[in-house]
Amino acid sequence: MSSAKLVNTFFPINQKSWTYRDGLNLYNDLYTAANRQNNVHDKIEYYKAAQKFLYKKIASEKLTWSNLGSLIAIGVSKQYSNHGSNWIQAAALTVFIVALPLYGLFLVSLDNIYVDLSAAGAHYFMSELLPFFWEFINPLHRIDFMKNSGISLGYWSALVDLVSRIFIGIGVFETVRSFRKYVRS
C-alpha cells in the first residue's frame, strides 16, 4: 500500500455512529471465531463483552416486560458470576452474601427461636442451628427440615423459605454455569 499512488484519491469515511447492536454483533462474531479455534480464554472475554453490549442495547430500547426480564437476567448473571466466568465469585456470593443472611432471617421467622447474644446463645447457635445451614443451602430441602430438633415454623417462615430458595437456586445455577465454561461449546 505504501507504493500505491494516492494522488487525488478519495477514501470513504463511515459517518454512521457506533451502536450497541454493532458492539453486540462484533463480539458475538469474535466469540464464534474464538470458539471455532478452541480459544477458551478469549472466548470467555468476548462472551462477557457481548453480554455487556446486549445489556446496553436492551436498556436503550423501550422498556417492556420481556426487556425487563432480560435486563434482570443479564444483571444478575453479572453480579453472581461475571457472566458465567467466575465460579469462585458465584459460590462465595451464594454462601456468604445470600444464604447466610437469608438463613438468619429464616431462623428469626421460626416460632420458638429468639435472638440471644450471650455465650450460651452463641453456643446454642453453633451447635444446634448452624449444622442445618448446609441443608438450607439445598434449594430442594423440605420446609420442615428442622423439625427433629423441636423447632416449629412461624407465620413468615414459608415466605422467607420461598425467597431463599429462589436466590440460592440462582446462585447454584450460576456456580454450575461457571464450571461449564471449561466445556462450553
N, C-alpha and C. Protein backbone atom coordinates (compact mmCIF):
# COMPACT_ATOMS: atom_id res chain seq x y z
N MET A 1 0.83 -1.19 0.00
CA MET A 1 0.00 0.00 0.00
C MET A 1 0.87 1.25 0.00
N SER A 2 2.08 1.15 0.57
CA SER A 2 2.92 2.34 0.63
C SER A 2 3.42 2.77 -0.75
N SER A 3 3.49 1.84 -1.70
CA SER A 3 3.96 2.19 -3.03
C SER A 3 2.83 2.61 -3.97
N ALA A 4 1.61 2.53 -3.54
CA ALA A 4 0.48 2.91 -4.39
C ALA A 4 0.40 4.42 -4.50
N LYS A 5 0.03 4.88 -5.67
CA LYS A 5 -0.12 6.32 -5.90
C LYS A 5 -1.47 6.76 -5.35
N LEU A 6 -1.46 7.69 -4.44
CA LEU A 6 -2.68 8.13 -3.79
C LEU A 6 -3.01 9.59 -4.15
N VAL A 7 -2.61 10.02 -5.31
CA VAL A 7 -2.88 11.38 -5.74
C VAL A 7 -4.33 11.48 -6.18
N ASN A 8 -5.03 12.45 -5.66
CA ASN A 8 -6.44 12.72 -5.99
C ASN A 8 -7.34 11.51 -5.72
N THR A 9 -7.06 10.79 -4.65
CA THR A 9 -7.93 9.66 -4.29
C THR A 9 -8.85 10.08 -3.15
N PHE A 10 -9.95 9.37 -3.05
CA PHE A 10 -10.95 9.66 -2.02
C PHE A 10 -11.21 8.39 -1.22
N PHE A 11 -11.04 8.49 0.08
CA PHE A 11 -11.34 7.37 0.96
C PHE A 11 -12.68 7.65 1.63
N PRO A 12 -13.63 6.75 1.48
CA PRO A 12 -14.93 6.99 2.13
C PRO A 12 -14.78 6.92 3.65
N ILE A 13 -15.48 7.76 4.31
CA ILE A 13 -15.48 7.79 5.77
C ILE A 13 -16.85 7.35 6.24
N ASN A 14 -16.86 6.40 7.14
CA ASN A 14 -18.13 5.90 7.67
C ASN A 14 -18.67 6.93 8.67
N GLN A 15 -19.73 7.59 8.30
CA GLN A 15 -20.30 8.64 9.13
C GLN A 15 -21.31 8.08 10.14
N LYS A 16 -21.65 6.82 9.99
CA LYS A 16 -22.63 6.21 10.89
C LYS A 16 -22.00 6.01 12.27
N SER A 17 -22.70 6.41 13.31
CA SER A 17 -22.16 6.27 14.67
C SER A 17 -22.27 4.82 15.14
N TRP A 18 -21.39 4.48 16.05
CA TRP A 18 -21.33 3.14 16.62
C TRP A 18 -22.54 2.92 17.52
N THR A 19 -23.21 1.80 17.36
CA THR A 19 -24.38 1.49 18.19
C THR A 19 -24.07 0.27 19.07
N TYR A 20 -24.93 0.07 20.04
CA TYR A 20 -24.76 -1.11 20.89
C TYR A 20 -24.97 -2.39 20.11
N ARG A 21 -25.83 -2.35 19.10
CA ARG A 21 -26.05 -3.52 18.24
C ARG A 21 -24.75 -3.88 17.50
N ASP A 22 -24.01 -2.84 17.05
CA ASP A 22 -22.74 -3.09 16.37
C ASP A 22 -21.76 -3.78 17.31
N GLY A 23 -21.68 -3.31 18.53
CA GLY A 23 -20.79 -3.94 19.51
C GLY A 23 -21.21 -5.37 19.80
N LEU A 24 -22.51 -5.59 19.93
CA LEU A 24 -23.01 -6.94 20.18
C LEU A 24 -22.65 -7.86 19.02
N ASN A 25 -22.88 -7.41 17.79
CA ASN A 25 -22.56 -8.24 16.62
C ASN A 25 -21.05 -8.51 16.53
N LEU A 26 -20.25 -7.49 16.78
CA LEU A 26 -18.80 -7.65 16.72
C LEU A 26 -18.33 -8.71 17.72
N TYR A 27 -18.75 -8.57 18.97
CA TYR A 27 -18.27 -9.51 19.98
C TYR A 27 -18.89 -10.90 19.84
N ASN A 28 -20.09 -10.99 19.32
CA ASN A 28 -20.65 -12.31 19.02
C ASN A 28 -19.85 -13.00 17.92
N ASP A 29 -19.45 -12.23 16.89
CA ASP A 29 -18.62 -12.80 15.83
C ASP A 29 -17.25 -13.22 16.35
N LEU A 30 -16.66 -12.39 17.20
CA LEU A 30 -15.37 -12.75 17.78
C LEU A 30 -15.49 -13.97 18.69
N TYR A 31 -16.60 -14.06 19.42
CA TYR A 31 -16.85 -15.23 20.26
C TYR A 31 -16.94 -16.49 19.40
N THR A 32 -17.68 -16.42 18.30
CA THR A 32 -17.83 -17.56 17.40
C THR A 32 -16.48 -17.98 16.82
N ALA A 33 -15.67 -16.99 16.41
CA ALA A 33 -14.35 -17.31 15.86
C ALA A 33 -13.45 -17.94 16.91
N ALA A 34 -13.45 -17.40 18.11
CA ALA A 34 -12.63 -17.98 19.18
C ALA A 34 -13.10 -19.38 19.54
N ASN A 35 -14.40 -19.60 19.49
CA ASN A 35 -14.97 -20.92 19.78
C ASN A 35 -14.51 -21.94 18.74
N ARG A 36 -14.52 -21.55 17.48
CA ARG A 36 -14.08 -22.46 16.41
C ARG A 36 -12.61 -22.81 16.54
N GLN A 37 -11.83 -21.88 17.10
CA GLN A 37 -10.39 -22.10 17.25
C GLN A 37 -10.05 -22.73 18.61
N ASN A 38 -11.05 -23.07 19.39
CA ASN A 38 -10.87 -23.63 20.74
C ASN A 38 -10.03 -22.71 21.62
N ASN A 39 -10.22 -21.43 21.48
CA ASN A 39 -9.52 -20.42 22.26
C ASN A 39 -10.40 -20.08 23.46
N VAL A 40 -10.24 -20.82 24.55
CA VAL A 40 -11.13 -20.72 25.69
C VAL A 40 -11.03 -19.36 26.37
N HIS A 41 -9.84 -18.86 26.57
CA HIS A 41 -9.68 -17.59 27.29
C HIS A 41 -10.35 -16.43 26.55
N ASP A 42 -10.03 -16.27 25.27
CA ASP A 42 -10.63 -15.17 24.52
C ASP A 42 -12.12 -15.34 24.34
N LYS A 43 -12.56 -16.59 24.19
CA LYS A 43 -13.98 -16.87 24.03
C LYS A 43 -14.77 -16.35 25.23
N ILE A 44 -14.26 -16.56 26.43
CA ILE A 44 -14.94 -16.09 27.64
C ILE A 44 -14.97 -14.57 27.69
N GLU A 45 -13.85 -13.94 27.34
CA GLU A 45 -13.80 -12.47 27.35
C GLU A 45 -14.75 -11.88 26.31
N TYR A 46 -14.83 -12.48 25.14
CA TYR A 46 -15.74 -11.98 24.11
C TYR A 46 -17.19 -12.18 24.52
N TYR A 47 -17.48 -13.29 25.20
CA TYR A 47 -18.84 -13.53 25.67
C TYR A 47 -19.25 -12.47 26.68
N LYS A 48 -18.34 -12.15 27.62
CA LYS A 48 -18.64 -11.12 28.62
C LYS A 48 -18.86 -9.77 27.96
N ALA A 49 -18.04 -9.43 26.96
CA ALA A 49 -18.20 -8.15 26.25
C ALA A 49 -19.52 -8.14 25.48
N ALA A 50 -19.88 -9.25 24.87
CA ALA A 50 -21.15 -9.33 24.14
C ALA A 50 -22.33 -9.15 25.09
N GLN A 51 -22.25 -9.72 26.28
CA GLN A 51 -23.31 -9.57 27.26
C GLN A 51 -23.43 -8.12 27.72
N LYS A 52 -22.30 -7.44 27.86
CA LYS A 52 -22.31 -6.03 28.24
C LYS A 52 -23.03 -5.20 27.18
N PHE A 53 -22.71 -5.45 25.90
CA PHE A 53 -23.36 -4.70 24.83
C PHE A 53 -24.83 -5.10 24.68
N LEU A 54 -25.16 -6.36 24.93
CA LEU A 54 -26.56 -6.77 24.88
C LEU A 54 -27.36 -6.05 25.96
N TYR A 55 -26.79 -5.94 27.15
CA TYR A 55 -27.46 -5.22 28.24
C TYR A 55 -27.70 -3.77 27.85
N LYS A 56 -26.66 -3.12 27.30
CA LYS A 56 -26.80 -1.72 26.91
C LYS A 56 -27.79 -1.55 25.77
N LYS A 57 -27.80 -2.50 24.83
CA LYS A 57 -28.74 -2.44 23.71
C LYS A 57 -30.18 -2.55 24.21
N ILE A 58 -30.43 -3.49 25.09
CA ILE A 58 -31.78 -3.68 25.62
C ILE A 58 -32.19 -2.49 26.49
N ALA A 59 -31.25 -1.97 27.28
CA ALA A 59 -31.55 -0.83 28.15
C ALA A 59 -31.85 0.43 27.36
N SER A 60 -31.31 0.54 26.15
CA SER A 60 -31.56 1.73 25.34
C SER A 60 -32.91 1.68 24.61
N GLU A 61 -33.54 0.51 24.57
CA GLU A 61 -34.83 0.36 23.91
C GLU A 61 -35.97 0.70 24.87
N LYS A 62 -37.17 0.73 24.32
CA LYS A 62 -38.36 0.98 25.15
C LYS A 62 -38.52 -0.18 26.13
N LEU A 63 -38.76 0.15 27.39
CA LEU A 63 -38.86 -0.86 28.43
C LEU A 63 -40.20 -1.59 28.36
N THR A 64 -40.13 -2.92 28.22
CA THR A 64 -41.31 -3.78 28.25
C THR A 64 -41.06 -4.87 29.28
N TRP A 65 -42.07 -5.70 29.52
CA TRP A 65 -41.90 -6.79 30.49
C TRP A 65 -40.82 -7.77 30.05
N SER A 66 -40.79 -8.09 28.75
CA SER A 66 -39.76 -9.03 28.29
C SER A 66 -38.38 -8.40 28.35
N ASN A 67 -38.27 -7.11 28.03
CA ASN A 67 -36.99 -6.42 28.16
C ASN A 67 -36.54 -6.37 29.62
N LEU A 68 -37.48 -6.10 30.51
CA LEU A 68 -37.15 -6.04 31.93
C LEU A 68 -36.61 -7.38 32.42
N GLY A 69 -37.24 -8.46 32.00
CA GLY A 69 -36.77 -9.79 32.38
C GLY A 69 -35.37 -10.07 31.86
N SER A 70 -35.10 -9.66 30.63
CA SER A 70 -33.76 -9.85 30.06
C SER A 70 -32.73 -9.01 30.80
N LEU A 71 -33.08 -7.77 31.11
CA LEU A 71 -32.16 -6.90 31.85
C LEU A 71 -31.84 -7.48 33.23
N ILE A 72 -32.86 -7.98 33.90
CA ILE A 72 -32.65 -8.57 35.23
C ILE A 72 -31.76 -9.81 35.12
N ALA A 73 -32.03 -10.66 34.13
CA ALA A 73 -31.24 -11.89 33.98
C ALA A 73 -29.78 -11.58 33.68
N ILE A 74 -29.52 -10.63 32.80
CA ILE A 74 -28.14 -10.28 32.47
C ILE A 74 -27.47 -9.62 33.67
N GLY A 75 -28.19 -8.74 34.37
CA GLY A 75 -27.62 -8.07 35.54
C GLY A 75 -27.32 -9.04 36.67
N VAL A 76 -28.22 -9.98 36.92
CA VAL A 76 -27.99 -10.97 37.97
C VAL A 76 -26.81 -11.86 37.62
N SER A 77 -26.70 -12.25 36.36
CA SER A 77 -25.57 -13.06 35.92
C SER A 77 -24.25 -12.31 36.09
N LYS A 78 -24.26 -11.03 35.83
CA LYS A 78 -23.06 -10.21 36.02
C LYS A 78 -22.67 -10.16 37.49
N GLN A 79 -23.64 -9.96 38.36
CA GLN A 79 -23.36 -9.84 39.78
C GLN A 79 -22.93 -11.16 40.40
N TYR A 80 -23.62 -12.24 40.06
CA TYR A 80 -23.33 -13.53 40.69
C TYR A 80 -22.00 -14.12 40.22
N SER A 81 -21.76 -14.13 38.88
CA SER A 81 -20.62 -14.90 38.39
C SER A 81 -19.86 -14.23 37.25
N ASN A 82 -20.05 -12.93 37.05
CA ASN A 82 -19.40 -12.22 35.95
C ASN A 82 -19.70 -12.93 34.62
N HIS A 83 -20.96 -13.14 34.38
CA HIS A 83 -21.48 -13.78 33.17
C HIS A 83 -20.95 -15.19 32.99
N GLY A 84 -20.94 -15.96 34.06
CA GLY A 84 -20.57 -17.37 33.96
C GLY A 84 -19.08 -17.60 33.83
N SER A 85 -18.27 -16.65 34.25
CA SER A 85 -16.83 -16.82 34.08
C SER A 85 -16.07 -16.98 35.40
N ASN A 86 -16.75 -16.88 36.54
CA ASN A 86 -16.04 -16.92 37.82
C ASN A 86 -16.84 -17.75 38.82
N TRP A 87 -16.50 -19.02 38.93
CA TRP A 87 -17.26 -19.91 39.82
C TRP A 87 -16.98 -19.61 41.29
N ILE A 88 -15.78 -19.12 41.61
CA ILE A 88 -15.47 -18.79 43.00
C ILE A 88 -16.34 -17.63 43.46
N GLN A 89 -16.49 -16.63 42.61
CA GLN A 89 -17.37 -15.49 42.93
C GLN A 89 -18.80 -15.97 43.13
N ALA A 90 -19.26 -16.83 42.24
CA ALA A 90 -20.64 -17.32 42.34
C ALA A 90 -20.86 -18.12 43.62
N ALA A 91 -19.93 -19.00 43.96
CA ALA A 91 -20.08 -19.82 45.17
C ALA A 91 -19.98 -18.97 46.42
N ALA A 92 -19.00 -18.07 46.47
CA ALA A 92 -18.83 -17.23 47.65
C ALA A 92 -20.02 -16.30 47.85
N LEU A 93 -20.49 -15.69 46.77
CA LEU A 93 -21.63 -14.79 46.89
C LEU A 93 -22.87 -15.56 47.33
N THR A 94 -23.06 -16.76 46.80
CA THR A 94 -24.23 -17.56 47.17
C THR A 94 -24.20 -17.93 48.64
N VAL A 95 -23.05 -18.37 49.15
CA VAL A 95 -22.98 -18.84 50.53
C VAL A 95 -22.95 -17.67 51.51
N PHE A 96 -22.05 -16.71 51.29
CA PHE A 96 -21.82 -15.69 52.31
C PHE A 96 -22.72 -14.47 52.19
N ILE A 97 -23.02 -14.03 50.99
CA ILE A 97 -23.80 -12.80 50.81
C ILE A 97 -25.30 -13.09 50.75
N VAL A 98 -25.67 -14.23 50.18
CA VAL A 98 -27.09 -14.55 50.02
C VAL A 98 -27.59 -15.51 51.08
N ALA A 99 -26.96 -16.69 51.19
CA ALA A 99 -27.51 -17.76 52.02
C ALA A 99 -27.41 -17.47 53.52
N LEU A 100 -26.28 -16.98 53.98
CA LEU A 100 -26.14 -16.73 55.43
C LEU A 100 -27.14 -15.70 55.96
N PRO A 101 -27.29 -14.54 55.33
CA PRO A 101 -28.31 -13.61 55.83
C PRO A 101 -29.73 -14.16 55.72
N LEU A 102 -30.01 -14.87 54.63
CA LEU A 102 -31.35 -15.45 54.49
C LEU A 102 -31.59 -16.55 55.51
N TYR A 103 -30.55 -17.30 55.86
CA TYR A 103 -30.69 -18.32 56.90
C TYR A 103 -30.97 -17.65 58.25
N GLY A 104 -30.27 -16.55 58.51
CA GLY A 104 -30.55 -15.80 59.74
C GLY A 104 -31.97 -15.28 59.77
N LEU A 105 -32.45 -14.78 58.64
CA LEU A 105 -33.84 -14.30 58.56
C LEU A 105 -34.81 -15.46 58.75
N PHE A 106 -34.47 -16.62 58.18
CA PHE A 106 -35.32 -17.80 58.35
C PHE A 106 -35.37 -18.21 59.82
N LEU A 107 -34.23 -18.18 60.50
CA LEU A 107 -34.20 -18.54 61.92
C LEU A 107 -35.04 -17.57 62.75
N VAL A 108 -34.97 -16.29 62.44
CA VAL A 108 -35.75 -15.29 63.17
C VAL A 108 -37.25 -15.50 62.93
N SER A 109 -37.60 -16.02 61.75
CA SER A 109 -39.02 -16.23 61.44
C SER A 109 -39.61 -17.46 62.13
N LEU A 110 -38.79 -18.31 62.71
CA LEU A 110 -39.29 -19.51 63.39
C LEU A 110 -39.96 -19.13 64.71
N ASP A 111 -40.89 -19.98 65.15
CA ASP A 111 -41.69 -19.67 66.35
C ASP A 111 -40.87 -19.64 67.64
N ASN A 112 -40.14 -20.70 67.91
CA ASN A 112 -39.50 -20.80 69.23
C ASN A 112 -38.00 -20.51 69.19
N ILE A 113 -37.58 -19.61 68.32
CA ILE A 113 -36.18 -19.17 68.26
C ILE A 113 -36.14 -17.69 68.62
N TYR A 114 -35.26 -17.35 69.54
CA TYR A 114 -35.09 -15.97 69.97
C TYR A 114 -33.63 -15.58 69.85
N VAL A 115 -33.39 -14.32 69.60
CA VAL A 115 -32.03 -13.82 69.49
C VAL A 115 -31.44 -13.70 70.89
N ASP A 116 -30.30 -14.37 71.09
CA ASP A 116 -29.60 -14.35 72.37
C ASP A 116 -28.12 -14.14 72.07
N LEU A 117 -27.59 -12.99 72.44
CA LEU A 117 -26.21 -12.65 72.13
C LEU A 117 -25.22 -13.06 73.22
N SER A 118 -25.69 -13.81 74.21
CA SER A 118 -24.80 -14.26 75.27
C SER A 118 -23.96 -15.45 74.78
N ALA A 119 -23.05 -15.89 75.62
CA ALA A 119 -22.21 -17.04 75.28
C ALA A 119 -23.05 -18.30 75.12
N ALA A 120 -24.07 -18.45 75.95
CA ALA A 120 -24.95 -19.62 75.84
C ALA A 120 -25.72 -19.58 74.52
N GLY A 121 -26.17 -18.39 74.12
CA GLY A 121 -26.88 -18.25 72.86
C GLY A 121 -25.99 -18.54 71.67
N ALA A 122 -24.74 -18.08 71.72
CA ALA A 122 -23.79 -18.37 70.65
C ALA A 122 -23.49 -19.86 70.57
N HIS A 123 -23.36 -20.50 71.73
CA HIS A 123 -23.12 -21.94 71.75
C HIS A 123 -24.31 -22.70 71.17
N TYR A 124 -25.52 -22.29 71.54
CA TYR A 124 -26.73 -22.93 71.00
C TYR A 124 -26.79 -22.76 69.49
N PHE A 125 -26.47 -21.56 69.01
CA PHE A 125 -26.49 -21.32 67.57
C PHE A 125 -25.47 -22.21 66.86
N MET A 126 -24.26 -22.26 67.38
CA MET A 126 -23.19 -23.03 66.72
C MET A 126 -23.45 -24.53 66.76
N SER A 127 -24.01 -25.02 67.86
CA SER A 127 -24.17 -26.47 67.99
C SER A 127 -25.51 -26.99 67.49
N GLU A 128 -26.58 -26.20 67.63
CA GLU A 128 -27.91 -26.69 67.30
C GLU A 128 -28.48 -26.14 65.98
N LEU A 129 -28.15 -24.91 65.61
CA LEU A 129 -28.77 -24.27 64.45
C LEU A 129 -27.87 -24.23 63.22
N LEU A 130 -26.60 -23.95 63.41
CA LEU A 130 -25.69 -23.82 62.28
C LEU A 130 -25.53 -25.11 61.47
N PRO A 131 -25.57 -26.30 62.08
CA PRO A 131 -25.47 -27.51 61.26
C PRO A 131 -26.58 -27.66 60.22
N PHE A 132 -27.71 -27.02 60.43
CA PHE A 132 -28.80 -27.07 59.44
C PHE A 132 -28.56 -26.14 58.26
N PHE A 133 -27.56 -25.29 58.33
CA PHE A 133 -27.29 -24.33 57.26
C PHE A 133 -27.02 -25.01 55.94
N TRP A 134 -26.26 -26.11 55.96
CA TRP A 134 -25.90 -26.78 54.71
C TRP A 134 -27.12 -27.43 54.06
N GLU A 135 -28.07 -27.84 54.87
CA GLU A 135 -29.31 -28.35 54.29
C GLU A 135 -30.15 -27.21 53.75
N PHE A 136 -30.10 -26.07 54.40
CA PHE A 136 -30.84 -24.89 53.95
C PHE A 136 -30.35 -24.42 52.59
N ILE A 137 -29.06 -24.56 52.30
CA ILE A 137 -28.50 -24.13 51.02
C ILE A 137 -29.06 -24.96 49.86
N ASN A 138 -29.42 -26.20 50.11
CA ASN A 138 -30.01 -27.03 49.06
C ASN A 138 -31.41 -26.50 48.74
N PRO A 139 -31.65 -25.99 47.52
CA PRO A 139 -32.97 -25.44 47.20
C PRO A 139 -34.09 -26.49 47.23
N LEU A 140 -33.75 -27.76 47.28
CA LEU A 140 -34.76 -28.82 47.28
C LEU A 140 -35.07 -29.34 48.68
N HIS A 141 -34.62 -28.62 49.71
CA HIS A 141 -34.85 -29.11 51.08
C HIS A 141 -36.34 -29.04 51.43
N ARG A 142 -36.72 -29.85 52.42
CA ARG A 142 -38.10 -29.79 52.93
C ARG A 142 -38.23 -28.55 53.80
N ILE A 143 -39.41 -27.97 53.83
CA ILE A 143 -39.60 -26.76 54.62
C ILE A 143 -39.49 -27.06 56.12
N ASP A 144 -39.80 -28.27 56.51
CA ASP A 144 -39.71 -28.61 57.94
C ASP A 144 -38.44 -29.42 58.23
N PHE A 145 -37.33 -29.08 57.59
CA PHE A 145 -36.09 -29.83 57.74
C PHE A 145 -35.52 -29.73 59.15
N MET A 146 -36.01 -28.82 59.98
CA MET A 146 -35.51 -28.66 61.35
C MET A 146 -36.45 -29.26 62.39
N LYS A 147 -37.48 -29.97 61.97
CA LYS A 147 -38.49 -30.43 62.93
C LYS A 147 -37.96 -31.46 63.93
N ASN A 148 -36.92 -32.21 63.58
CA ASN A 148 -36.37 -33.21 64.51
C ASN A 148 -35.74 -32.56 65.73
N SER A 149 -35.38 -31.30 65.63
CA SER A 149 -34.78 -30.61 66.78
C SER A 149 -35.83 -29.87 67.60
N GLY A 150 -37.10 -30.05 67.29
CA GLY A 150 -38.18 -29.45 68.07
C GLY A 150 -38.48 -28.00 67.70
N ILE A 151 -38.03 -27.56 66.55
CA ILE A 151 -38.24 -26.17 66.12
C ILE A 151 -39.45 -26.14 65.20
N SER A 152 -40.38 -25.21 65.47
CA SER A 152 -41.60 -25.14 64.65
C SER A 152 -41.58 -23.88 63.78
N LEU A 153 -42.26 -23.97 62.67
CA LEU A 153 -42.31 -22.86 61.71
C LEU A 153 -43.18 -21.72 62.23
N GLY A 154 -42.82 -20.51 61.84
CA GLY A 154 -43.59 -19.33 62.21
C GLY A 154 -44.48 -18.88 61.06
N TYR A 155 -45.09 -17.70 61.21
CA TYR A 155 -46.01 -17.20 60.19
C TYR A 155 -45.29 -16.81 58.90
N TRP A 156 -44.10 -16.29 59.00
CA TRP A 156 -43.37 -15.81 57.83
C TRP A 156 -42.34 -16.81 57.32
N SER A 157 -42.25 -17.96 57.93
CA SER A 157 -41.21 -18.93 57.56
C SER A 157 -41.34 -19.41 56.12
N ALA A 158 -42.55 -19.65 55.67
CA ALA A 158 -42.75 -20.14 54.30
C ALA A 158 -42.34 -19.09 53.27
N LEU A 159 -42.67 -17.83 53.51
CA LEU A 159 -42.30 -16.77 52.58
C LEU A 159 -40.79 -16.59 52.54
N VAL A 160 -40.15 -16.57 53.69
CA VAL A 160 -38.69 -16.44 53.75
C VAL A 160 -38.04 -17.64 53.07
N ASP A 161 -38.58 -18.84 53.28
CA ASP A 161 -38.05 -20.04 52.65
C ASP A 161 -38.19 -19.96 51.13
N LEU A 162 -39.31 -19.49 50.63
CA LEU A 162 -39.53 -19.36 49.19
C LEU A 162 -38.53 -18.38 48.57
N VAL A 163 -38.38 -17.22 49.17
CA VAL A 163 -37.43 -16.22 48.67
C VAL A 163 -36.01 -16.78 48.72
N SER A 164 -35.69 -17.48 49.78
CA SER A 164 -34.36 -18.08 49.93
C SER A 164 -34.10 -19.11 48.84
N ARG A 165 -35.06 -19.94 48.56
CA ARG A 165 -34.90 -20.95 47.51
C ARG A 165 -34.63 -20.30 46.15
N ILE A 166 -35.32 -19.20 45.87
CA ILE A 166 -35.13 -18.52 44.59
C ILE A 166 -33.70 -17.99 44.47
N PHE A 167 -33.25 -17.22 45.46
CA PHE A 167 -31.93 -16.60 45.37
C PHE A 167 -30.80 -17.61 45.50
N ILE A 168 -30.97 -18.61 46.32
CA ILE A 168 -29.95 -19.65 46.43
C ILE A 168 -29.93 -20.50 45.17
N GLY A 169 -31.10 -20.78 44.61
CA GLY A 169 -31.17 -21.53 43.35
C GLY A 169 -30.47 -20.80 42.22
N ILE A 170 -30.63 -19.48 42.15
CA ILE A 170 -29.92 -18.69 41.14
C ILE A 170 -28.41 -18.82 41.36
N GLY A 171 -27.99 -18.77 42.61
CA GLY A 171 -26.57 -18.89 42.92
C GLY A 171 -26.00 -20.26 42.55
N VAL A 172 -26.76 -21.31 42.81
CA VAL A 172 -26.32 -22.66 42.44
C VAL A 172 -26.24 -22.76 40.92
N PHE A 173 -27.24 -22.23 40.22
CA PHE A 173 -27.23 -22.25 38.76
C PHE A 173 -26.01 -21.52 38.22
N GLU A 174 -25.72 -20.33 38.75
CA GLU A 174 -24.58 -19.55 38.26
C GLU A 174 -23.26 -20.24 38.58
N THR A 175 -23.18 -20.92 39.71
CA THR A 175 -21.96 -21.66 40.05
C THR A 175 -21.74 -22.80 39.06
N VAL A 176 -22.78 -23.57 38.79
CA VAL A 176 -22.67 -24.67 37.83
C VAL A 176 -22.37 -24.13 36.44
N ARG A 177 -23.04 -23.05 36.07
CA ARG A 177 -22.81 -22.43 34.76
C ARG A 177 -21.36 -21.98 34.62
N SER A 178 -20.79 -21.47 35.69
CA SER A 178 -19.41 -21.01 35.64
C SER A 178 -18.44 -22.18 35.47
N PHE A 179 -18.76 -23.32 36.06
CA PHE A 179 -17.93 -24.50 35.84
C PHE A 179 -18.00 -24.96 34.40
N ARG A 180 -19.14 -24.76 33.78
CA ARG A 180 -19.32 -25.22 32.40
C ARG A 180 -18.53 -24.42 31.40
N LYS A 181 -17.93 -23.31 31.80
CA LYS A 181 -17.11 -22.55 30.84
C LYS A 181 -15.97 -23.38 30.32
N TYR A 182 -15.59 -24.41 31.07
CA TYR A 182 -14.50 -25.26 30.62
C TYR A 182 -14.94 -26.29 29.58
N VAL A 183 -16.26 -26.50 29.47
CA VAL A 183 -16.76 -27.47 28.50
C VAL A 183 -17.75 -26.85 27.52
N ARG A 184 -18.00 -25.55 27.65
CA ARG A 184 -18.96 -24.87 26.78
C ARG A 184 -18.48 -24.94 25.34
N SER A 185 -19.42 -25.22 24.44
CA SER A 185 -19.02 -25.29 23.01
C SER A 185 -19.70 -24.23 22.20
